[in-house]
PDB file of N, CA and C in Angstrom:
ATOM      1  N   MET A   1      21.265-118.708 171.828  1.00  0.00           N
ATOM      2  CA  MET A   1      19.963-118.282 171.993  1.00  0.00           C
ATOM      3  C   MET A   1      19.425-119.284 173.236  1.00  0.00           C
ATOM      4  N   GLY A   2      18.629-118.662 174.142  1.00  0.00           N
ATOM      5  CA  GLY A   2      18.091-119.177 175.169  1.00  0.00           C
ATOM      6  C   GLY A   2      16.903-120.243 174.908  1.00  0.00           C
ATOM      7  N   VAL A   3      16.662-121.144 175.814  1.00  0.00           N
ATOM      8  CA  VAL A   3      15.554-122.143 175.563  1.00  0.00           C
ATOM      9  C   VAL A   3      14.072-121.277 175.692  1.00  0.00           C
ATOM     10  N   LEU A   4      13.202-121.415 174.665  1.00  0.00           N
ATOM     11  CA  LEU A   4      12.036-120.857 174.736  1.00  0.00           C
ATOM     12  C   LEU A   4      10.911-121.754 175.404  1.00  0.00           C
ATOM     13  N   SER A   5      10.390-121.365 176.349  1.00  0.00           N
ATOM     14  CA  SER A   5       9.267-122.228 177.036  1.00  0.00           C
ATOM     15  C   SER A   5       7.797-121.915 176.701  1.00  0.00           C
ATOM     16  N   THR A   6       6.990-122.849 176.740  1.00  0.00           N
ATOM     17  CA  THR A   6       5.601-122.573 176.518  1.00  0.00           C
ATOM     18  C   THR A   6       5.031-122.062 177.585  1.00  0.00           C
ATOM     19  N   PRO A   7       4.181-121.001 177.393  1.00  0.00           N
ATOM     20  CA  PRO A   7       3.258-120.335 178.508  1.00  0.00           C
ATOM     21  C   PRO A   7       2.524-121.405 179.309  1.00  0.00           C
ATOM     22  N   LEU A   8       2.314-121.270 180.427  1.00  0.00           N
ATOM     23  CA  LEU A   8       1.553-122.323 181.273  1.00  0.00           C
ATOM     24  C   LEU A   8       0.167-122.338 180.701  1.00  0.00           C
ATOM     25  N   ILE A   9      -0.435-121.281 180.407  1.00  0.00           N
ATOM     26  CA  ILE A   9      -1.930-121.535 179.663  1.00  0.00           C
ATOM     27  C   ILE A   9      -2.031-122.368 178.532  1.00  0.00           C
ATOM     28  N   ASP A  10      -0.821-122.252 177.741  1.00  0.00           N
ATOM     29  CA  ASP A  10      -0.837-123.051 176.429  1.00  0.00           C
ATOM     30  C   ASP A  10      -0.582-124.492 177.018  1.00  0.00           C
ATOM     31  N   GLU A  11       0.171-124.658 177.944  1.00  0.00           N
ATOM     32  CA  GLU A  11       0.500-126.204 178.385  1.00  0.00           C
ATOM     33  C   GLU A  11      -1.024-126.724 178.857  1.00  0.00           C
ATOM     34  N   ALA A  12      -1.707-125.825 179.668  1.00  0.00           N
ATOM     35  CA  ALA A  12      -2.926-126.277 180.242  1.00  0.00           C
ATOM     36  C   ALA A  12      -3.811-126.655 178.922  1.00  0.00           C
ATOM     37  N   ARG A  13      -3.889-125.778 178.090  1.00  0.00           N
ATOM     38  CA  ARG A  13      -4.900-126.107 176.875  1.00  0.00           C
ATOM     39  C   ARG A  13      -4.438-127.439 176.175  1.00  0.00           C
ATOM     40  N   ALA A  14      -3.154-127.652 175.994  1.00  0.00           N
ATOM     41  CA  ALA A  14      -2.693-128.940 175.455  1.00  0.00           C
ATOM     42  C   ALA A  14      -3.055-130.229 176.149  1.00  0.00           C
ATOM     43  N   ILE A  15      -2.875-130.094 177.577  1.00  0.00           N
ATOM     44  CA  ILE A  15      -3.242-131.129 178.579  1.00  0.00           C
ATOM     45  C   ILE A  15      -4.693-131.330 178.625  1.00  0.00           C
ATOM     46  N   PHE A  16      -5.524-130.359 178.749  1.00  0.00           N
ATOM     47  CA  PHE A  16      -6.848-130.536 178.672  1.00  0.00           C
ATOM     48  C   PHE A  16      -7.385-131.102 177.347  1.00  0.00           C
ATOM     49  N   SER A  17      -6.977-130.553 176.289  1.00  0.00           N
ATOM     50  CA  SER A  17      -7.275-131.099 174.857  1.00  0.00           C
ATOM     51  C   SER A  17      -6.862-132.616 174.972  1.00  0.00           C
ATOM     52  N   GLY A  18      -5.736-133.017 175.385  1.00  0.00           N
ATOM     53  CA  GLY A  18      -5.496-134.308 175.314  1.00  0.00           C
ATOM     54  C   GLY A  18      -6.127-135.223 176.075  1.00  0.00           C
ATOM     55  N   LEU A  19      -6.907-134.666 177.114  1.00  0.00           N
ATOM     56  CA  LEU A  19      -7.770-135.441 178.064  1.00  0.00           C
ATOM     57  C   LEU A  19      -9.124-135.475 177.458  1.00  0.00           C
ATOM     58  N   GLY A  20      -9.612-134.867 176.207  1.00  0.00           N
ATOM     59  CA  GLY A  20     -10.679-135.021 175.469  1.00  0.00           C
ATOM     60  C   GLY A  20     -11.607-133.844 175.980  1.00  0.00           C
ATOM     61  N   TYR A  21     -10.936-132.809 176.511  1.00  0.00           N
ATOM     62  CA  TYR A  21     -11.867-131.616 176.593  1.00  0.00           C
ATOM     63  C   TYR A  21     -11.973-130.942 175.435  1.00  0.00           C
ATOM     64  N   GLU A  22     -13.037-130.198 175.303  1.00  0.00           N
ATOM     65  CA  GLU A  22     -13.154-129.015 174.199  1.00  0.00           C
ATOM     66  C   GLU A  22     -12.685-127.640 174.959  1.00  0.00           C
ATOM     67  N   VAL A  23     -11.665-127.115 174.423  1.00  0.00           N
ATOM     68  CA  VAL A  23     -11.070-125.942 175.273  1.00  0.00           C
ATOM     69  C   VAL A  23     -11.345-124.725 174.339  1.00  0.00           C
ATOM     70  N   GLU A  24     -11.773-123.607 175.059  1.00  0.00           N
ATOM     71  CA  GLU A  24     -11.788-122.405 174.208  1.00  0.00           C
ATOM     72  C   GLU A  24     -11.250-121.254 175.297  1.00  0.00           C
ATOM     73  N   ALA A  25     -10.831-120.353 174.778  1.00  0.00           N
ATOM     74  CA  ALA A  25     -10.371-119.101 175.546  1.00  0.00           C
ATOM     75  C   ALA A  25     -11.457-118.287 176.008  1.00  0.00           C
ATOM     76  N   VAL A  26     -11.491-117.898 177.214  1.00  0.00           N
ATOM     77  CA  VAL A  26     -12.442-117.018 177.824  1.00  0.00           C
ATOM     78  C   VAL A  26     -11.721-115.927 178.585  1.00  0.00           C
ATOM     79  N   GLY A  27     -11.506-114.848 177.775  1.00  0.00           N
ATOM     80  CA  GLY A  27     -10.603-113.622 178.517  1.00  0.00           C
ATOM     81  C   GLY A  27      -9.372-114.115 178.792  1.00  0.00           C
ATOM     82  N   ASN A  28      -8.730-114.173 179.953  1.00  0.00           N
ATOM     83  CA  ASN A  28      -7.422-114.647 180.127  1.00  0.00           C
ATOM     84  C   ASN A  28      -7.546-116.102 180.704  1.00  0.00           C
ATOM     85  N   GLU A  29      -8.624-116.724 180.907  1.00  0.00           N
ATOM     86  CA  GLU A  29      -8.731-118.067 181.238  1.00  0.00           C
ATOM     87  C   GLU A  29      -9.126-119.000 180.048  1.00  0.00           C
ATOM     88  N   LEU A  30      -9.070-120.340 180.387  1.00  0.00           N
ATOM     89  CA  LEU A  30      -9.691-121.355 179.402  1.00  0.00           C
ATOM     90  C   LEU A  30     -11.045-121.936 179.898  1.00  0.00           C
ATOM     91  N   ARG A  31     -11.823-122.356 179.151  1.00  0.00           N
ATOM     92  CA  ARG A  31     -13.012-123.042 179.664  1.00  0.00           C
ATOM     93  C   ARG A  31     -12.990-124.405 178.864  1.00  0.00           C
ATOM     94  N   ALA A  32     -12.912-125.549 179.626  1.00  0.00           N
ATOM     95  CA  ALA A  32     -12.698-126.807 179.324  1.00  0.00           C
ATOM     96  C   ALA A  32     -13.868-127.470 179.548  1.00  0.00           C
ATOM     97  N   GLU A  33     -14.424-128.165 178.472  1.00  0.00           N
ATOM     98  CA  GLU A  33     -15.852-128.686 178.745  1.00  0.00           C
ATOM     99  C   GLU A  33     -15.779-130.232 178.009  1.00  0.00           C
ATOM    100  N   ARG A  34     -16.298-131.197 178.853  1.00  0.00           N
ATOM    101  CA  ARG A  34     -16.263-132.720 178.477  1.00  0.00           C
ATOM    102  C   ARG A  34     -17.397-133.178 179.198  1.00  0.00           C
ATOM    103  N   LYS A  35     -18.322-133.884 178.347  1.00  0.00           N
ATOM    104  CA  LYS A  35     -19.631-134.286 178.818  1.00  0.00           C
ATOM    105  C   LYS A  35     -20.399-133.248 179.637  1.00  0.00           C
ATOM    106  N   TRP A  36     -20.697-133.569 180.830  1.00  0.00           N
ATOM    107  CA  TRP A  36     -21.280-132.566 181.764  1.00  0.00           C
ATOM    108  C   TRP A  36     -20.431-131.557 182.462  1.00  0.00           C
ATOM    109  N   ARG A  37     -19.082-131.679 182.444  1.00  0.00           N
ATOM    110  CA  ARG A  37     -18.180-131.042 183.290  1.00  0.00           C
ATOM    111  C   ARG A  37     -17.587-129.869 182.544  1.00  0.00           C
ATOM    112  N   ILE A  38     -17.625-128.745 183.240  1.00  0.00           N
ATOM    113  CA  ILE A  38     -16.941-127.531 182.754  1.00  0.00           C
ATOM    114  C   ILE A  38     -16.200-127.073 183.849  1.00  0.00           C
ATOM    115  N   VAL A  39     -14.832-126.876 183.329  1.00  0.00           N
ATOM    116  CA  VAL A  39     -13.683-126.411 184.223  1.00  0.00           C
ATOM    117  C   VAL A  39     -13.213-125.142 183.607  1.00  0.00           C
ATOM    118  N   TYR A  40     -13.049-124.245 184.604  1.00  0.00           N
ATOM    119  CA  TYR A  40     -12.516-122.994 184.320  1.00  0.00           C
ATOM    120  C   TYR A  40     -10.861-123.060 184.613  1.00  0.00           C
ATOM    121  N   VAL A  41      -9.984-122.942 183.807  1.00  0.00           N
ATOM    122  CA  VAL A  41      -8.701-123.117 183.923  1.00  0.00           C
ATOM    123  C   VAL A  41      -7.877-121.617 183.793  1.00  0.00           C
ATOM    124  N   THR A  42      -7.011-121.408 184.840  1.00  0.00           N
ATOM    125  CA  THR A  42      -6.426-120.000 184.959  1.00  0.00           C
ATOM    126  C   THR A  42      -5.077-120.244 185.481  1.00  0.00           C
ATOM    127  N   THR A  43      -4.013-119.375 185.125  1.00  0.00           N
ATOM    128  CA  THR A  43      -2.783-119.292 185.765  1.00  0.00           C
ATOM    129  C   THR A  43      -2.700-118.059 186.822  1.00  0.00           C
ATOM    130  N   GLU A  44      -3.810-117.389 186.991  1.00  0.00           N
ATOM    131  CA  GLU A  44      -3.944-116.422 188.063  1.00  0.00           C
ATOM    132  C   GLU A  44      -3.945-117.012 189.490  1.00  0.00           C
ATOM    133  N   GLY A  45      -3.666-116.269 190.472  1.00  0.00           N
ATOM    134  CA  GLY A  45      -3.822-116.638 191.780  1.00  0.00           C
ATOM    135  C   GLY A  45      -5.103-116.843 192.276  1.00  0.00           C
ATOM    136  N   PRO A  46      -5.270-117.558 193.264  1.00  0.00           N
ATOM    137  CA  PRO A  46      -6.682-117.935 193.820  1.00  0.00           C
ATOM    138  C   PRO A  46      -7.286-116.636 194.278  1.00  0.00           C
ATOM    139  N   GLY A  47      -6.693-115.583 194.796  1.00  0.00           N
ATOM    140  CA  GLY A  47      -7.254-114.502 195.282  1.00  0.00           C
ATOM    141  C   GLY A  47      -7.769-113.499 194.095  1.00  0.00           C
ATOM    142  N   THR A  48      -7.428-113.699 193.072  1.00  0.00           N
ATOM    143  CA  THR A  48      -7.609-112.695 191.779  1.00  0.00           C
ATOM    144  C   THR A  48      -8.754-113.153 190.914  1.00  0.00           C
ATOM    145  N   VAL A  49      -9.237-114.387 191.140  1.00  0.00           N
ATOM    146  CA  VAL A  49     -10.234-114.934 190.164  1.00  0.00           C
ATOM    147  C   VAL A  49     -11.569-114.803 190.927  1.00  0.00           C
ATOM    148  N   PRO A  50     -12.643-114.759 189.949  1.00  0.00           N
ATOM    149  CA  PRO A  50     -13.942-114.700 190.538  1.00  0.00           C
ATOM    150  C   PRO A  50     -14.259-116.156 191.080  1.00  0.00           C
ATOM    151  N   ASP A  51     -15.306-116.169 191.898  1.00  0.00           N
ATOM    152  CA  ASP A  51     -15.624-117.420 192.504  1.00  0.00           C
ATOM    153  C   ASP A  51     -17.156-118.019 192.045  1.00  0.00           C
ATOM    154  N   ASP A  52     -17.375-117.474 190.836  1.00  0.00           N
ATOM    155  CA  ASP A  52     -18.760-117.684 190.391  1.00  0.00           C
ATOM    156  C   ASP A  52     -18.855-118.953 189.511  1.00  0.00           C
ATOM    157  N   VAL A  53     -18.046-119.942 189.836  1.00  0.00           N
ATOM    158  CA  VAL A  53     -18.132-121.320 189.099  1.00  0.00           C
ATOM    159  C   VAL A  53     -18.064-122.443 189.886  1.00  0.00           C
ATOM    160  N   ASP A  54     -18.327-123.458 189.372  1.00  0.00           N
ATOM    161  CA  ASP A  54     -18.287-124.591 190.267  1.00  0.00           C
ATOM    162  C   ASP A  54     -17.058-125.560 190.257  1.00  0.00           C
ATOM    163  N   LEU A  55     -16.228-125.463 189.117  1.00  0.00           N
ATOM    164  CA  LEU A  55     -15.042-126.305 188.971  1.00  0.00           C
ATOM    165  C   LEU A  55     -13.910-125.212 188.442  1.00  0.00           C
ATOM    166  N   ARG A  56     -12.787-125.161 189.200  1.00  0.00           N
ATOM    167  CA  ARG A  56     -11.795-124.306 188.697  1.00  0.00           C
ATOM    168  C   ARG A  56     -10.320-125.037 189.007  1.00  0.00           C
ATOM    169  N   CYS A  57      -9.469-124.923 187.916  1.00  0.00           N
ATOM    170  CA  CYS A  57      -8.231-125.457 187.901  1.00  0.00           C
ATOM    171  C   CYS A  57      -7.098-124.400 187.911  1.00  0.00           C
ATOM    172  N   PHE A  58      -6.308-124.361 188.865  1.00  0.00           N
ATOM    173  CA  PHE A  58      -5.175-123.271 188.831  1.00  0.00           C
ATOM    174  C   PHE A  58      -3.852-123.989 188.303  1.00  0.00           C
ATOM    175  N   VAL A  59      -3.342-123.546 187.181  1.00  0.00           N
ATOM    176  CA  VAL A  59      -2.118-123.998 186.704  1.00  0.00           C
ATOM    177  C   VAL A  59      -0.848-123.288 187.285  1.00  0.00           C
ATOM    178  N   ALA A  60      -0.067-123.879 187.696  1.00  0.00           N
ATOM    179  CA  ALA A  60       1.434-123.159 188.129  1.00  0.00           C
ATOM    180  C   ALA A  60       2.370-124.083 187.908  1.00  0.00           C
ATOM    181  N   ASP A  61       3.699-123.508 187.763  1.00  0.00           N
ATOM    182  CA  ASP A  61       4.788-124.390 187.537  1.00  0.00           C
ATOM    183  C   ASP A  61       4.893-125.198 188.856  1.00  0.00           C
ATOM    184  N   THR A  62       5.857-126.149 188.740  1.00  0.00           N
ATOM    185  CA  THR A  62       6.180-127.300 189.585  1.00  0.00           C
ATOM    186  C   THR A  62       6.738-126.440 191.078  1.00  0.00           C
ATOM    187  N   ASP A  63       7.486-125.406 190.905  1.00  0.00           N
ATOM    188  CA  ASP A  63       7.933-124.658 192.325  1.00  0.00           C
ATOM    189  C   ASP A  63       6.776-123.977 192.912  1.00  0.00           C
ATOM    190  N   ARG A  64       5.797-123.366 192.138  1.00  0.00           N
ATOM    191  CA  ARG A  64       4.905-122.657 192.799  1.00  0.00           C
ATOM    192  C   ARG A  64       3.595-123.292 193.134  1.00  0.00           C
ATOM    193  N   ALA A  65       3.252-124.446 192.586  1.00  0.00           N
ATOM    194  CA  ALA A  65       1.998-125.068 192.704  1.00  0.00           C
ATOM    195  C   ALA A  65       1.846-125.593 194.402  1.00  0.00           C
ATOM    196  N   PRO A  66       2.823-126.118 195.064  1.00  0.00           N
ATOM    197  CA  PRO A  66       2.340-126.446 196.535  1.00  0.00           C
ATOM    198  C   PRO A  66       1.841-125.079 197.080  1.00  0.00           C
ATOM    199  N   GLU A  67       2.578-123.926 196.794  1.00  0.00           N
ATOM    200  CA  GLU A  67       2.141-122.694 197.369  1.00  0.00           C
ATOM    201  C   GLU A  67       0.637-122.255 197.084  1.00  0.00           C
ATOM    202  N   VAL A  68       0.202-122.520 195.801  1.00  0.00           N
ATOM    203  CA  VAL A  68      -0.980-122.243 195.303  1.00  0.00           C
ATOM    204  C   VAL A  68      -2.054-122.992 196.009  1.00  0.00           C
ATOM    205  N   ARG A  69      -1.756-124.264 196.147  1.00  0.00           N
ATOM    206  CA  ARG A  69      -2.482-125.249 196.904  1.00  0.00           C
ATOM    207  C   ARG A  69      -2.735-124.914 198.403  1.00  0.00           C
ATOM    208  N   ASP A  70      -1.751-124.503 199.000  1.00  0.00           N
ATOM    209  CA  ASP A  70      -1.749-124.027 200.307  1.00  0.00           C
ATOM    210  C   ASP A  70      -2.651-122.762 200.627  1.00  0.00           C
ATOM    211  N   GLU A  71      -2.565-121.973 199.474  1.00  0.00           N
ATOM    212  CA  GLU A  71      -3.308-120.592 199.596  1.00  0.00           C
ATOM    213  C   GLU A  71      -4.810-121.109 199.492  1.00  0.00           C
ATOM    214  N   LEU A  72      -5.164-122.045 198.481  1.00  0.00           N
ATOM    215  CA  LEU A  72      -6.401-122.356 198.425  1.00  0.00           C
ATOM    216  C   LEU A  72      -7.032-123.032 199.548  1.00  0.00           C
ATOM    217  N   LEU A  73      -6.267-123.688 200.193  1.00  0.00           N
ATOM    218  CA  LEU A  73      -6.634-124.487 201.459  1.00  0.00           C
ATOM    219  C   LEU A  73      -7.048-123.483 202.539  1.00  0.00           C
ATOM    220  N   GLY A  74      -6.187-122.393 202.697  1.00  0.00           N
ATOM    221  CA  GLY A  74      -6.379-121.359 203.557  1.00  0.00           C
ATOM    222  C   GLY A  74      -7.655-120.466 203.315  1.00  0.00           C
ATOM    223  N   LEU A  75      -7.980-120.336 201.921  1.00  0.00           N
ATOM    224  CA  LEU A  75      -9.043-119.577 201.577  1.00  0.00           C
ATOM    225  C   LEU A  75     -10.337-120.333 201.617  1.00  0.00           C
ATOM    226  N   ALA A  76     -10.229-121.623 201.350  1.00  0.00           N
ATOM    227  CA  ALA A  76     -11.483-122.536 201.625  1.00  0.00           C
ATOM    228  C   ALA A  76     -12.497-122.123 200.544  1.00  0.00           C
ATOM    229  N   PRO A  77     -12.331-121.740 199.431  1.00  0.00           N
ATOM    230  CA  PRO A  77     -13.504-121.300 198.528  1.00  0.00           C
ATOM    231  C   PRO A  77     -14.514-122.219 198.272  1.00  0.00           C
ATOM    232  N   ASP A  78     -15.908-121.627 197.953  1.00  0.00           N
ATOM    233  CA  ASP A  78     -16.880-122.378 197.715  1.00  0.00           C
ATOM    234  C   ASP A  78     -17.063-123.097 196.535  1.00  0.00           C
ATOM    235  N   TYR A  79     -15.973-123.202 195.778  1.00  0.00           N
ATOM    236  CA  TYR A  79     -16.099-124.184 194.434  1.00  0.00           C
ATOM    237  C   TYR A  79     -15.076-125.310 194.532  1.00  0.00           C
ATOM    238  N   ASP A  80     -15.319-126.197 193.996  1.00  0.00           N
ATOM    239  CA  ASP A  80     -14.343-127.424 193.618  1.00  0.00           C
ATOM    240  C   ASP A  80     -13.169-126.876 192.863  1.00  0.00           C
ATOM    241  N   TRP A  81     -11.733-127.251 193.472  1.00  0.00           N
ATOM    242  CA  TRP A  81     -10.659-126.939 192.726  1.00  0.00           C
ATOM    243  C   TRP A  81      -9.546-127.923 192.730  1.00  0.00           C
ATOM    244  N   ALA A  82      -8.682-127.705 191.937  1.00  0.00           N
ATOM    245  CA  ALA A  82      -7.373-128.601 192.039  1.00  0.00           C
ATOM    246  C   ALA A  82      -6.351-127.653 191.451  1.00  0.00           C
ATOM    247  N   VAL A  83      -5.091-127.930 191.628  1.00  0.00           N
ATOM    248  CA  VAL A  83      -3.936-127.162 191.159  1.00  0.00           C
ATOM    249  C   VAL A  83      -3.425-128.261 190.302  1.00  0.00           C
ATOM    250  N   MET A  84      -2.838-127.773 189.062  1.00  0.00           N
ATOM    251  CA  MET A  84      -2.170-128.421 188.096  1.00  0.00           C
ATOM    252  C   MET A  84      -0.637-127.987 188.063  1.00  0.00           C
ATOM    253  N   SER A  85       0.171-128.809 188.525  1.00  0.00           N
ATOM    254  CA  SER A  85       1.543-128.472 188.651  1.00  0.00           C
ATOM    255  C   SER A  85       2.160-128.986 187.296  1.00  0.00           C
ATOM    256  N   VAL A  86       2.681-128.003 186.428  1.00  0.00           N
ATOM    257  CA  VAL A  86       3.341-128.276 185.079  1.00  0.00           C
ATOM    258  C   VAL A  86       4.956-128.126 185.331  1.00  0.00           C
ATOM    259  N   GLY A  87       5.574-128.999 184.965  1.00  0.00           N
ATOM    260  CA  GLY A  87       7.072-129.208 184.841  1.00  0.00           C
ATOM    261  C   GLY A  87       7.519-128.595 183.403  1.00  0.00           C
ATOM    262  N   ASP A  88       8.808-128.319 183.383  1.00  0.00           N
ATOM    263  CA  ASP A  88       9.507-127.845 182.407  1.00  0.00           C
ATOM    264  C   ASP A  88       9.274-128.765 181.051  1.00  0.00           C
ATOM    265  N   ASP A  89       9.262-129.837 181.295  1.00  0.00           N
ATOM    266  CA  ASP A  89       9.230-130.895 180.257  1.00  0.00           C
ATOM    267  C   ASP A  89       7.795-131.236 179.869  1.00  0.00           C
ATOM    268  N   GLY A  90       6.622-130.462 180.410  1.00  0.00           N
ATOM    269  CA  GLY A  90       5.353-130.771 180.160  1.00  0.00           C
ATOM    270  C   GLY A  90       4.595-131.725 180.858  1.00  0.00           C
ATOM    271  N   ASP A  91       5.318-132.551 181.738  1.00  0.00           N
ATOM    272  CA  ASP A  91       4.811-133.481 182.602  1.00  0.00           C
ATOM    273  C   ASP A  91       3.968-132.563 183.661  1.00  0.00           C
ATOM    274  N   TYR A  92       2.797-133.260 183.983  1.00  0.00           N
ATOM    275  CA  TYR A  92       2.176-132.476 185.202  1.00  0.00           C
ATOM    276  C   TYR A  92       1.473-133.415 186.336  1.00  0.00           C
ATOM    277  N   GLU A  93       1.343-132.907 187.445  1.00  0.00           N
ATOM    278  CA  GLU A  93       0.742-133.608 188.533  1.00  0.00           C
ATOM    279  C   GLU A  93      -0.578-132.859 189.005  1.00  0.00           C
ATOM    280  N   VAL A  94      -1.578-133.317 189.377  1.00  0.00           N
ATOM    281  CA  VAL A  94      -2.748-132.726 189.929  1.00  0.00           C
ATOM    282  C   VAL A  94      -2.865-132.832 191.277  1.00  0.00           C
ATOM    283  N   LEU A  95      -3.021-131.622 191.947  1.00  0.00           N
ATOM    284  CA  LEU A  95      -2.869-131.412 193.480  1.00  0.00           C
ATOM    285  C   LEU A  95      -4.294-131.185 193.922  1.00  0.00           C
ATOM    286  N   HIS A  96      -4.893-132.137 194.532  1.00  0.00           N
ATOM    287  CA  HIS A  96      -6.341-131.939 194.990  1.00  0.00           C
ATOM    288  C   HIS A  96      -6.394-131.534 196.356  1.00  0.00           C
ATOM    289  N   PRO A  97      -7.446-130.925 196.839  1.00  0.00           N
ATOM    290  CA  PRO A  97      -7.537-130.312 198.096  1.00  0.00           C
ATOM    291  C   PRO A  97      -7.380-131.473 199.179  1.00  0.00           C
ATOM    292  N   GLU A  98      -7.916-132.638 199.013  1.00  0.00           N
ATOM    293  CA  GLU A  98      -7.901-133.593 199.970  1.00  0.00           C
ATOM    294  C   GLU A  98      -6.616-134.438 200.116  1.00  0.00           C
ATOM    295  N   ALA A  99      -5.945-134.412 199.032  1.00  0.00           N
ATOM    296  CA  ALA A  99      -4.624-135.196 199.127  1.00  0.00           C
ATOM    297  C   ALA A  99      -3.485-134.393 199.719  1.00  0.00           C
ATOM    298  N   SER A 100      -2.653-135.283 200.241  1.00  0.00           N
ATOM    299  CA  SER A 100      -1.389-134.561 201.003  1.00  0.00           C
ATOM    300  C   SER A 100      -0.499-134.546 199.959  1.00  0.00           C
ATOM    301  N   GLU A 101      -0.373-135.332 198.843  1.00  0.00           N
ATOM    302  CA  GLU A 101       0.689-135.418 197.884  1.00  0.00           C
ATOM    303  C   GLU A 101      -0.100-135.259 196.543  1.00  0.00           C
ATOM    304  N   GLY A 102       0.579-134.840 195.451  1.00  0.00           N
ATOM    305  CA  GLY A 102      -0.026-134.711 194.253  1.00  0.00           C
ATOM    306  C   GLY A 102      -0.261-136.110 193.750  1.00  0.00           C
ATOM    307  N   LEU A 103      -1.153-136.169 192.793  1.00  0.00           N
ATOM    308  CA  LEU A 103      -1.332-137.422 191.986  1.00  0.00           C
ATOM    309  C   LEU A 103      -0.665-137.429 190.777  1.00  0.00           C
ATOM    310  N   PRO A 104      -0.108-138.524 190.403  1.00  0.00           N
ATOM    311  CA  PRO A 104       0.794-138.517 188.956  1.00  0.00           C
ATOM    312  C   PRO A 104      -0.244-138.473 187.819  1.00  0.00           C
ATOM    313  N   SER A 105      -0.094-137.865 186.769  1.00  0.00           N
ATOM    314  CA  SER A 105      -0.722-137.803 185.473  1.00  0.00           C
ATOM    315  C   SER A 105      -0.782-139.021 184.934  1.00  0.00           C
TER     316      SER A 105
END
């Protein structure tokens, strides 16, 4: 039997919950809220999501995350964003638009 992996959106839910966010599903995204901050979390590509929110986190596997970050840098959306790079072991890095390298979790 092959190894079953957890879907990225479920990994993101666990990570944000672990950081103290209240997380709820909103369509195919997550809405993560903590204090005054609301972050919309998605595994969709940057060109496929609405831009009507202030904070957005794009979740991608480790191999794809730099590509998603580069795409966002090229699009220069009007919202604040970060890319969460999630590895097979559940470890993650957050790639911010200003950083040339990912920040360790």
